[in-house]
C-alpha atoms as a PDB file:
ATOM      1  CA  UNK A   1     -40.308 120.163  95.547  1.00  0.00           C
ATOM      2  CA  UNK A   2     -39.819 123.254  97.676  1.00  0.00           C
ATOM      3  CA  UNK A   3     -37.809 122.736 100.866  1.00  0.00           C
ATOM      4  CA  UNK A   4     -39.641 122.351 104.147  1.00  0.00           C
ATOM      5  CA  UNK A   5     -39.602 125.415 106.364  1.00  0.00           C
ATOM      6  CA  UNK A   6     -37.312 125.266 109.355  1.00  0.00           C
ATOM      7  CA  UNK A   7     -37.912 127.528 112.347  1.00  0.00           C
ATOM      8  CA  UNK A   8     -35.830 130.442 111.098  1.00  0.00           C
ATOM      9  CA  UNK A   9     -37.410 130.288 107.637  1.00  0.00           C
ATOM     10  CA  UNK A  10     -40.912 130.235 109.086  1.00  0.00           C
ATOM     11  CA  UNK A  11     -40.142 133.269 111.238  1.00  0.00           C
ATOM     12  CA  UNK A  12     -38.740 135.042 108.194  1.00  0.00           C
ATOM     13  CA  UNK A  13     -41.990 134.435 106.312  1.00  0.00           C
ATOM     14  CA  UNK A  14     -44.072 135.355 109.326  1.00  0.00           C
ATOM     15  CA  UNK A  15     -42.435 138.759 109.543  1.00  0.00           C
ATOM     16  CA  UNK A  16     -43.686 139.507 106.056  1.00  0.00           C
ATOM     17  CA  UNK A  17     -46.643 137.283 105.388  1.00  0.00           C
ATOM     18  CA  UNK A  18     -47.399 138.963 102.116  1.00  0.00           C
ATOM     19  CA  UNK A  19     -44.017 138.330 100.504  1.00  0.00           C
ATOM     20  CA  UNK A  20     -43.357 135.165  98.577  1.00  0.00           C
ATOM     21  CA  UNK A  21     -40.957 133.785  96.046  1.00  0.00           C
ATOM     22  CA  UNK A  22     -43.193 134.932  93.206  1.00  0.00           C
ATOM     23  CA  UNK A  23     -42.601 138.541  94.310  1.00  0.00           C
ATOM     24  CA  UNK A  24     -38.827 138.241  93.977  1.00  0.00           C
ATOM     25  CA  UNK A  25     -37.863 139.060  90.390  1.00  0.00           C
ATOM     26  CA  UNK A  26     -34.407 137.579  90.944  1.00  0.00           C
ATOM     27  CA  UNK A  27     -35.859 134.168  91.760  1.00  0.00           C
ATOM     28  CA  UNK A  28     -38.465 133.328  89.118  1.00  0.00           C
ATOM     29  CA  UNK A  29     -40.418 130.153  89.701  1.00  0.00           C
ATOM     30  CA  UNK A  30     -39.597 127.158  87.580  1.00  0.00           C
ATOM     31  CA  UNK A  31     -42.461 125.692  85.505  1.00  0.00           C
ATOM     32  CA  UNK A  32     -42.752 122.848  88.014  1.00  0.00           C
ATOM     33  CA  UNK A  33     -42.846 125.251  90.962  1.00  0.00           C
ATOM     34  CA  UNK A  34     -45.373 127.474  89.193  1.00  0.00           C
ATOM     35  CA  UNK A  35     -47.590 124.429  88.610  1.00  0.00           C
ATOM     36  CA  UNK A  36     -47.339 123.449  92.272  1.00  0.00           C
ATOM     37  CA  UNK A  37     -48.192 126.970  93.361  1.00  0.00           C
ATOM     38  CA  UNK A  38     -51.182 127.056  91.008  1.00  0.00           C
ATOM     39  CA  UNK A  39     -52.425 123.725  92.348  1.00  0.00           C
ATOM     40  CA  UNK A  40     -52.291 125.031  95.919  1.00  0.00           C
ATOM     41  CA  UNK A  41     -54.013 128.260  94.899  1.00  0.00           C
ATOM     42  CA  UNK A  42     -56.773 126.428  93.033  1.00  0.00           C
ATOM     43  CA  UNK A  43     -57.390 124.096  95.981  1.00  0.00           C
ATOM     44  CA  UNK A  44     -57.703 127.125  98.254  1.00  0.00           C
ATOM     45  CA  UNK A  45     -60.138 128.906  95.934  1.00  0.00           C
ATOM     46  CA  UNK A  46     -62.316 125.771  95.739  1.00  0.00           C
ATOM     47  CA  UNK A  47     -62.263 125.391  99.514  1.00  0.00           C
ATOM     48  CA  UNK A  48     -63.193 129.035 100.058  1.00  0.00           C
ATOM     49  CA  UNK A  49     -66.258 128.528  97.851  1.00  0.00           C
ATOM     50  CA  UNK A  50     -67.224 125.220  99.467  1.00  0.00           C
ATOM     51  CA  UNK A  51     -66.340 125.821 103.130  1.00  0.00           C
ATOM     52  CA  UNK A  52     -65.856 129.546 103.530  1.00  0.00           C
ATOM     53  CA  UNK A  53     -62.978 131.365 105.166  1.00  0.00           C
ATOM     54  CA  UNK A  54     -63.125 130.103 108.786  1.00  0.00           C
ATOM     55  CA  UNK A  55     -63.184 126.387 107.878  1.00  0.00           C
ATOM     56  CA  UNK A  56     -60.456 126.557 105.267  1.00  0.00           C
ATOM     57  CA  UNK A  57     -57.021 125.764 106.688  1.00  0.00           C
ATOM     58  CA  UNK A  58     -53.569 125.495 105.169  1.00  0.00           C
ATOM     59  CA  UNK A  59     -53.433 121.841 106.256  1.00  0.00           C
ATOM     60  CA  UNK A  60     -56.686 121.095 104.440  1.00  0.00           C
ATOM     61  CA  UNK A  61     -55.543 123.012 101.365  1.00  0.00           C
ATOM     62  CA  UNK A  62     -52.271 121.079 101.298  1.00  0.00           C
ATOM     63  CA  UNK A  63     -54.106 117.766 101.499  1.00  0.00           C
ATOM     64  CA  UNK A  64     -56.448 118.627  98.638  1.00  0.00           C
ATOM     65  CA  UNK A  65     -53.569 119.979  96.531  1.00  0.00           C
ATOM     66  CA  UNK A  66     -51.544 116.823  97.140  1.00  0.00           C
ATOM     67  CA  UNK A  67     -48.581 118.596  98.730  1.00  0.00           C
ATOM     68  CA  UNK A  68     -47.040 118.701 102.185  1.00  0.00           C
ATOM     69  CA  UNK A  69     -48.067 121.364 104.689  1.00  0.00           C
ATOM     70  CA  UNK A  70     -44.526 122.727 104.569  1.00  0.00           C
ATOM     71  CA  UNK A  71     -44.726 122.982 100.809  1.00  0.00           C
ATOM     72  CA  UNK A  72     -47.996 124.899 101.032  1.00  0.00           C
ATOM     73  CA  UNK A  73     -46.464 127.335 103.530  1.00  0.00           C
ATOM     74  CA  UNK A  74     -43.446 127.757 101.278  1.00  0.00           C
ATOM     75  CA  UNK A  75     -45.602 129.246  98.521  1.00  0.00           C
ATOM     76  CA  UNK A  76     -48.282 130.838 100.705  1.00  0.00           C
ATOM     77  CA  UNK A  77     -47.007 131.752 104.173  1.00  0.00           C
ATOM     78  CA  UNK A  78     -50.532 132.322 105.500  1.00  0.00           C
ATOM     79  CA  UNK A  79     -54.195 131.806 104.745  1.00  0.00           C
ATOM     80  CA  UNK A  80     -54.497 135.568 104.450  1.00  0.00           C
ATOM     81  CA  UNK A  81     -52.034 135.482 101.569  1.00  0.00           C
ATOM     82  CA  UNK A  82     -54.366 133.099  99.759  1.00  0.00           C
ATOM     83  CA  UNK A  83     -57.261 135.501 100.316  1.00  0.00           C
ATOM     84  CA  UNK A  84     -55.195 138.166  98.573  1.00  0.00           C
ATOM     85  CA  UNK A  85     -54.835 135.740  95.665  1.00  0.00           C
ATOM     86  CA  UNK A  86     -58.626 135.447  95.676  1.00  0.00           C
ATOM     87  CA  UNK A  87     -59.010 139.232  95.660  1.00  0.00           C
ATOM     88  CA  UNK A  88     -56.590 139.572  92.754  1.00  0.00           C
ATOM     89  CA  UNK A  89     -58.365 136.886  90.738  1.00  0.00           C
ATOM     90  CA  UNK A  90     -61.766 138.423  91.381  1.00  0.00           C
ATOM     91  CA  UNK A  91     -60.586 141.801  90.168  1.00  0.00           C
ATOM     92  CA  UNK A  92     -59.112 140.270  87.021  1.00  0.00           C
ATOM     93  CA  UNK A  93     -62.396 138.440  86.429  1.00  0.00           C
ATOM     94  CA  UNK A  94     -64.303 141.663  87.070  1.00  0.00           C
ATOM     95  CA  UNK A  95     -62.290 143.471  84.424  1.00  0.00           C
ATOM     96  CA  UNK A  96     -62.728 140.609  81.950  1.00  0.00           C
ATOM     97  CA  UNK A  97     -66.497 140.659  82.498  1.00  0.00           C
ATOM     98  CA  UNK A  98     -66.897 144.440  82.393  1.00  0.00           C
ATOM     99  CA  UNK A  99     -64.717 145.508  79.486  1.00  0.00           C
ATOM    100  CA  UNK A 100     -66.673 143.794  76.682  1.00  0.00           C
ATOM    101  CA  UNK A 101     -69.893 145.330  78.000  1.00  0.00           C
ATOM    102  CA  UNK A 102     -68.300 148.764  78.176  1.00  0.00           C
ATOM    103  CA  UNK A 103     -67.554 148.684  74.458  1.00  0.00           C
ATOM    104  CA  UNK A 104     -70.135 150.891  72.772  1.00  0.00           C
ATOM    105  CA  UNK A 105     -71.527 152.085  76.121  1.00  0.00           C
ATOM    106  CA  UNK A 106     -70.791 155.802  76.348  1.00  0.00           C
ATOM    107  CA  UNK A 107     -73.058 157.231  79.034  1.00  0.00           C
ATOM    108  CA  UNK A 108     -71.332 157.598  82.404  1.00  0.00           C
ATOM    109  CA  UNK A 109     -74.309 156.280  84.366  1.00  0.00           C
ATOM    110  CA  UNK A 110     -74.671 153.314  82.011  1.00  0.00           C
ATOM    111  CA  UNK A 111     -70.951 152.543  82.303  1.00  0.00           C
ATOM    112  CA  UNK A 112     -71.158 152.701  86.090  1.00  0.00           C
ATOM    113  CA  UNK A 113     -74.073 150.283  85.979  1.00  0.00           C
ATOM    114  CA  UNK A 114     -71.911 147.854  83.993  1.00  0.00           C
ATOM    115  CA  UNK A 115     -69.165 148.193  86.608  1.00  0.00           C
ATOM    116  CA  UNK A 116     -71.436 147.514  89.574  1.00  0.00           C
ATOM    117  CA  UNK A 117     -73.459 144.720  87.988  1.00  0.00           C
ATOM    118  CA  UNK A 118     -70.452 142.800  86.680  1.00  0.00           C
ATOM    119  CA  UNK A 119     -68.762 143.241  90.044  1.00  0.00           C
ATOM    120  CA  UNK A 120     -71.667 141.572  91.823  1.00  0.00           C
ATOM    121  CA  UNK A 121     -71.755 138.814  89.212  1.00  0.00           C
ATOM    122  CA  UNK A 122     -68.043 138.157  89.761  1.00  0.00           C
ATOM    123  CA  UNK A 123     -68.408 137.575  93.509  1.00  0.00           C
ATOM    124  CA  UNK A 124     -71.693 135.658  93.244  1.00  0.00           C
ATOM    125  CA  UNK A 125     -70.007 132.260  93.736  1.00  0.00           C
ATOM    126  CA  UNK A 126     -68.960 133.360  97.223  1.00  0.00           C
ATOM    127  CA  UNK A 127     -72.272 134.758  98.415  1.00  0.00           C
ATOM    128  CA  UNK A 128     -73.198 131.776 100.600  1.00  0.00           C
ATOM    129  CA  UNK A 129     -69.878 131.937 102.468  1.00  0.00           C
ATOM    130  CA  UNK A 130     -69.403 135.725 102.379  1.00  0.00           C
ATOM    131  CA  UNK A 131     -70.437 136.338 106.026  1.00  0.00           C
ATOM    132  CA  UNK A 132     -67.465 134.261 107.195  1.00  0.00           C
ATOM    133  CA  UNK A 133     -65.115 136.404 105.155  1.00  0.00           C
ATOM    134  CA  UNK A 134     -66.742 139.585 106.433  1.00  0.00           C
ATOM    135  CA  UNK A 135     -66.236 138.611 110.069  1.00  0.00           C
ATOM    136  CA  UNK A 136     -62.516 138.232 109.353  1.00  0.00           C
ATOM    137  CA  UNK A 137     -62.342 141.417 107.267  1.00  0.00           C
ATOM    138  CA  UNK A 138     -64.136 143.802 109.574  1.00  0.00           C
ATOM    139  CA  UNK A 139     -61.206 144.611 111.869  1.00  0.00           C
ATOM    140  CA  UNK A 140     -59.275 147.675 110.657  1.00  0.00           C
ATOM    141  CA  UNK A 141     -56.066 145.782 111.458  1.00  0.00           C
ATOM    142  CA  UNK A 142     -56.990 142.701 109.436  1.00  0.00           C
ATOM    143  CA  UNK A 143     -54.663 142.135 106.469  1.00  0.00           C
ATOM    144  CA  UNK A 144     -57.659 140.932 104.447  1.00  0.00           C
ATOM    145  CA  UNK A 145     -59.645 144.109 105.071  1.00  0.00           C
ATOM    146  CA  UNK A 146     -60.273 145.468 101.546  1.00  0.00           C
ATOM    147  CA  UNK A 147     -58.970 148.847 102.732  1.00  0.00           C
ATOM    148  CA  UNK A 148     -55.734 147.469 104.207  1.00  0.00           C
ATOM    149  CA  UNK A 149     -52.271 148.106 102.826  1.00  0.00           C
ATOM    150  CA  UNK A 150     -51.993 144.390 102.038  1.00  0.00           C
ATOM    151  CA  UNK A 151     -55.106 144.578  99.854  1.00  0.00           C
ATOM    152  CA  UNK A 152     -53.771 147.492  97.804  1.00  0.00           C
ATOM    153  CA  UNK A 153     -52.937 145.469  94.632  1.00  0.00           C
ATOM    154  CA  UNK A 154     -56.531 144.252  94.242  1.00  0.00           C
ATOM    155  CA  UNK A 155     -57.903 147.636  95.296  1.00  0.00           C
ATOM    156  CA  UNK A 156     -55.721 149.391  92.731  1.00  0.00           C
ATOM    157  CA  UNK A 157     -57.055 147.059  90.018  1.00  0.00           C
ATOM    158  CA  UNK A 158     -60.631 147.957  90.928  1.00  0.00           C
ATOM    159  CA  UNK A 159     -59.932 151.679  91.000  1.00  0.00           C
ATOM    160  CA  UNK A 160     -58.071 151.299  87.707  1.00  0.00           C
ATOM    161  CA  UNK A 161     -61.169 149.717  86.166  1.00  0.00           C
ATOM    162  CA  UNK A 162     -63.252 152.597  87.507  1.00  0.00           C
ATOM    163  CA  UNK A 163     -60.848 155.030  85.833  1.00  0.00           C
ATOM    164  CA  UNK A 164     -61.513 153.245  82.549  1.00  0.00           C
ATOM    165  CA  UNK A 165     -65.239 153.566  83.202  1.00  0.00           C
ATOM    166  CA  UNK A 166     -65.048 157.302  83.845  1.00  0.00           C
ATOM    167  CA  UNK A 167     -62.457 158.208  81.209  1.00  0.00           C
ATOM    168  CA  UNK A 168     -64.267 156.245  78.496  1.00  0.00           C
ATOM    169  CA  UNK A 169     -67.577 158.011  79.046  1.00  0.00           C
ATOM    170  CA  UNK A 170     -68.974 160.863  77.007  1.00  0.00           C
ATOM    171  CA  UNK A 171     -69.878 163.274  79.768  1.00  0.00           C
ATOM    172  CA  UNK A 172     -69.433 166.869  80.776  1.00  0.00           C
ATOM    173  CA  UNK A 173     -68.294 166.234  84.331  1.00  0.00           C
ATOM    174  CA  UNK A 174     -65.650 168.795  85.364  1.00  0.00           C
ATOM    175  CA  UNK A 175     -62.137 167.349  85.246  1.00  0.00           C
ATOM    176  CA  UNK A 176     -61.523 167.918  88.958  1.00  0.00           C
ATOM    177  CA  UNK A 177     -64.668 165.908  89.754  1.00  0.00           C
ATOM    178  CA  UNK A 178     -64.024 163.174  87.189  1.00  0.00           C
ATOM    179  CA  UNK A 179     -60.518 162.515  88.480  1.00  0.00           C
ATOM    180  CA  UNK A 180     -61.877 162.037  92.012  1.00  0.00           C
ATOM    181  CA  UNK A 181     -64.747 159.723  91.117  1.00  0.00           C
ATOM    182  CA  UNK A 182     -62.866 156.366  90.861  1.00  0.00           C
ATOM    183  CA  UNK A 183     -61.319 156.472  94.342  1.00  0.00           C
ATOM    184  CA  UNK A 184     -64.574 157.737  95.864  1.00  0.00           C
ATOM    185  CA  UNK A 185     -66.763 155.150  94.142  1.00  0.00           C
ATOM    186  CA  UNK A 186     -64.628 152.268  95.430  1.00  0.00           C
ATOM    187  CA  UNK A 187     -65.926 152.487  99.054  1.00  0.00           C
ATOM    188  CA  UNK A 188     -69.464 152.768  97.657  1.00  0.00           C
ATOM    189  CA  UNK A 189     -68.851 149.551  95.731  1.00  0.00           C
ATOM    190  CA  UNK A 190     -67.768 147.824  98.949  1.00  0.00           C
ATOM    191  CA  UNK A 191     -70.921 149.091 100.660  1.00  0.00           C
ATOM    192  CA  UNK A 192     -73.065 147.683  97.853  1.00  0.00           C
ATOM    193  CA  UNK A 193     -71.375 144.281  98.189  1.00  0.00           C
ATOM    194  CA  UNK A 194     -72.054 144.367 101.932  1.00  0.00           C
ATOM    195  CA  UNK A 195     -75.742 145.070 101.273  1.00  0.00           C
ATOM    196  CA  UNK A 196     -75.823 142.295  98.655  1.00  0.00           C
ATOM    197  CA  UNK A 197     -74.233 139.821 101.073  1.00  0.00           C
ATOM    198  CA  UNK A 198     -77.077 140.175 103.567  1.00  0.00           C
ATOM    199  CA  UNK A 199     -79.870 140.656 101.019  1.00  0.00           C
ATOM    200  CA  UNK A 200     -82.299 137.756 101.422  1.00  0.00           C
ATOM    201  CA  UNK A 201     -84.831 139.078  98.911  1.00  0.00           C
ATOM    202  CA  UNK A 202     -85.409 136.940  95.795  1.00  0.00           C
ATOM    203  CA  UNK A 203     -82.428 137.354  93.447  1.00  0.00           C
ATOM    204  CA  UNK A 204     -81.198 140.109  95.771  1.00  0.00           C
ATOM    205  CA  UNK A 205     -83.837 142.441  94.334  1.00  0.00           C
ATOM    206  CA  UNK A 206     -83.390 144.981  97.144  1.00  0.00           C
ATOM    207  CA  UNK A 207     -79.736 145.422  96.217  1.00  0.00           C
ATOM    208  CA  UNK A 208     -80.670 145.873  92.557  1.00  0.00           C
ATOM    209  CA  UNK A 209     -83.237 148.493  93.569  1.00  0.00           C
ATOM    210  CA  UNK A 210     -80.671 150.302  95.735  1.00  0.00           C
ATOM    211  CA  UNK A 211     -78.199 150.371  92.851  1.00  0.00           C
ATOM    212  CA  UNK A 212     -80.848 151.647  90.453  1.00  0.00           C
ATOM    213  CA  UNK A 213     -81.907 154.410  92.846  1.00  0.00           C
ATOM    214  CA  UNK A 214     -78.318 155.476  93.449  1.00  0.00           C
ATOM    215  CA  UNK A 215     -77.556 155.661  89.737  1.00  0.00           C
ATOM    216  CA  UNK A 216     -80.742 157.622  89.028  1.00  0.00           C
ATOM    217  CA  UNK A 217     -79.790 160.093  91.757  1.00  0.00           C
ATOM    218  CA  UNK A 218     -76.326 160.421  90.253  1.00  0.00           C
ATOM    219  CA  UNK A 219     -77.861 161.063  86.817  1.00  0.00           C
ATOM    220  CA  UNK A 220     -80.039 163.839  88.264  1.00  0.00           C
ATOM    221  CA  UNK A 221     -77.029 165.392  90.016  1.00  0.00           C
ATOM    222  CA  UNK A 222     -74.698 165.380  86.996  1.00  0.00           C
ATOM    223  CA  UNK A 223     -75.899 168.645  85.388  1.00  0.00           C
ATOM    224  CA  UNK A 224     -75.414 170.517  88.664  1.00  0.00           C
ATOM    225  CA  UNK A 225     -71.754 169.529  89.103  1.00  0.00           C
ATOM    226  CA  UNK A 226     -70.658 172.562  87.063  1.00  0.00           C
ATOM    227  CA  UNK A 227     -72.401 174.981  89.407  1.00  0.00           C
ATOM    228  CA  UNK A 228     -69.517 176.588  91.376  1.00  0.00           C
ATOM    229  CA  UNK A 229     -70.977 176.100  94.855  1.00  0.00           C
ATOM    230  CA  UNK A 230     -72.142 172.562  94.189  1.00  0.00           C
ATOM    231  CA  UNK A 231     -68.886 171.687  92.454  1.00  0.00           C
ATOM    232  CA  UNK A 232     -66.752 172.725  95.427  1.00  0.00           C
ATOM    233  CA  UNK A 233     -68.843 170.844  97.973  1.00  0.00           C
ATOM    234  CA  UNK A 234     -68.914 167.764  95.744  1.00  0.00           C
ATOM    235  CA  UNK A 235     -65.137 167.876  95.360  1.00  0.00           C
ATOM    236  CA  UNK A 236     -64.698 168.024  99.136  1.00  0.00           C
ATOM    237  CA  UNK A 237     -67.202 165.219  99.686  1.00  0.00           C
ATOM    238  CA  UNK A 238     -65.474 162.927  97.180  1.00  0.00           C
ATOM    239  CA  UNK A 239     -62.121 163.590  98.835  1.00  0.00           C
ATOM    240  CA  UNK A 240     -63.534 162.675 102.237  1.00  0.00           C
ATOM    241  CA  UNK A 241     -65.128 159.474 100.931  1.00  0.00           C
ATOM    242  CA  UNK A 242     -61.888 158.415  99.228  1.00  0.00           C
ATOM    243  CA  UNK A 243     -59.964 159.199 102.420  1.00  0.00           C
ATOM    244  CA  UNK A 244     -61.345 156.014 103.991  1.00  0.00           C
ATOM    245  CA  UNK A 245     -58.443 154.260 102.232  1.00  0.00           C
ATOM    246  CA  UNK A 246     -54.994 154.165 103.910  1.00  0.00           C
END
């Protein structure tokens, strides 16, 4: 069992809430410790789905994982750290869902559709409790804001998947546009999830229609991206959209 946190240890964790023993390559977790950590993580993920972010507490997570509160804090110094675990898992699940569908799909617009649709499918379990997460995420200073420095590992996974989408497509998009697309599409993906969260239409049909319209517009615009004037403006626009990230 991990040692209970004394005051100095708790302050040490508090100063860097997003560091944990798993991040220290010189102190690998033992199989028993890894199992304990996984049990705490799984209890948190289940509670997030069932109760949402505001009503999930470390004390409750510890109880459901069958560990002490101190033990839970030892592996996850904050609830926000557990949200980052959720982000990471969602992005891994997104990649696992998207990649098989990308095989044999060569059109850029079709590949982007796979990315967006599998992304929404991946977060569907959290739709009922998503507003609670959003209220905690909305502050620019929140460590669980998807654009925060703390969220960069999950964000990098998503942008990495978008790079696979773009680079694997058979298209004639200029290289300087193609290389900018992944980072610029990421904020658009977040905006689509926000629309989906508050979409009360049957099966979120309004979100599906918005995605379809956006992709059709992108398909119409593709041939014009090689026109010098359009290309330059598009390059600048993509840079400004991507600049929303820290």
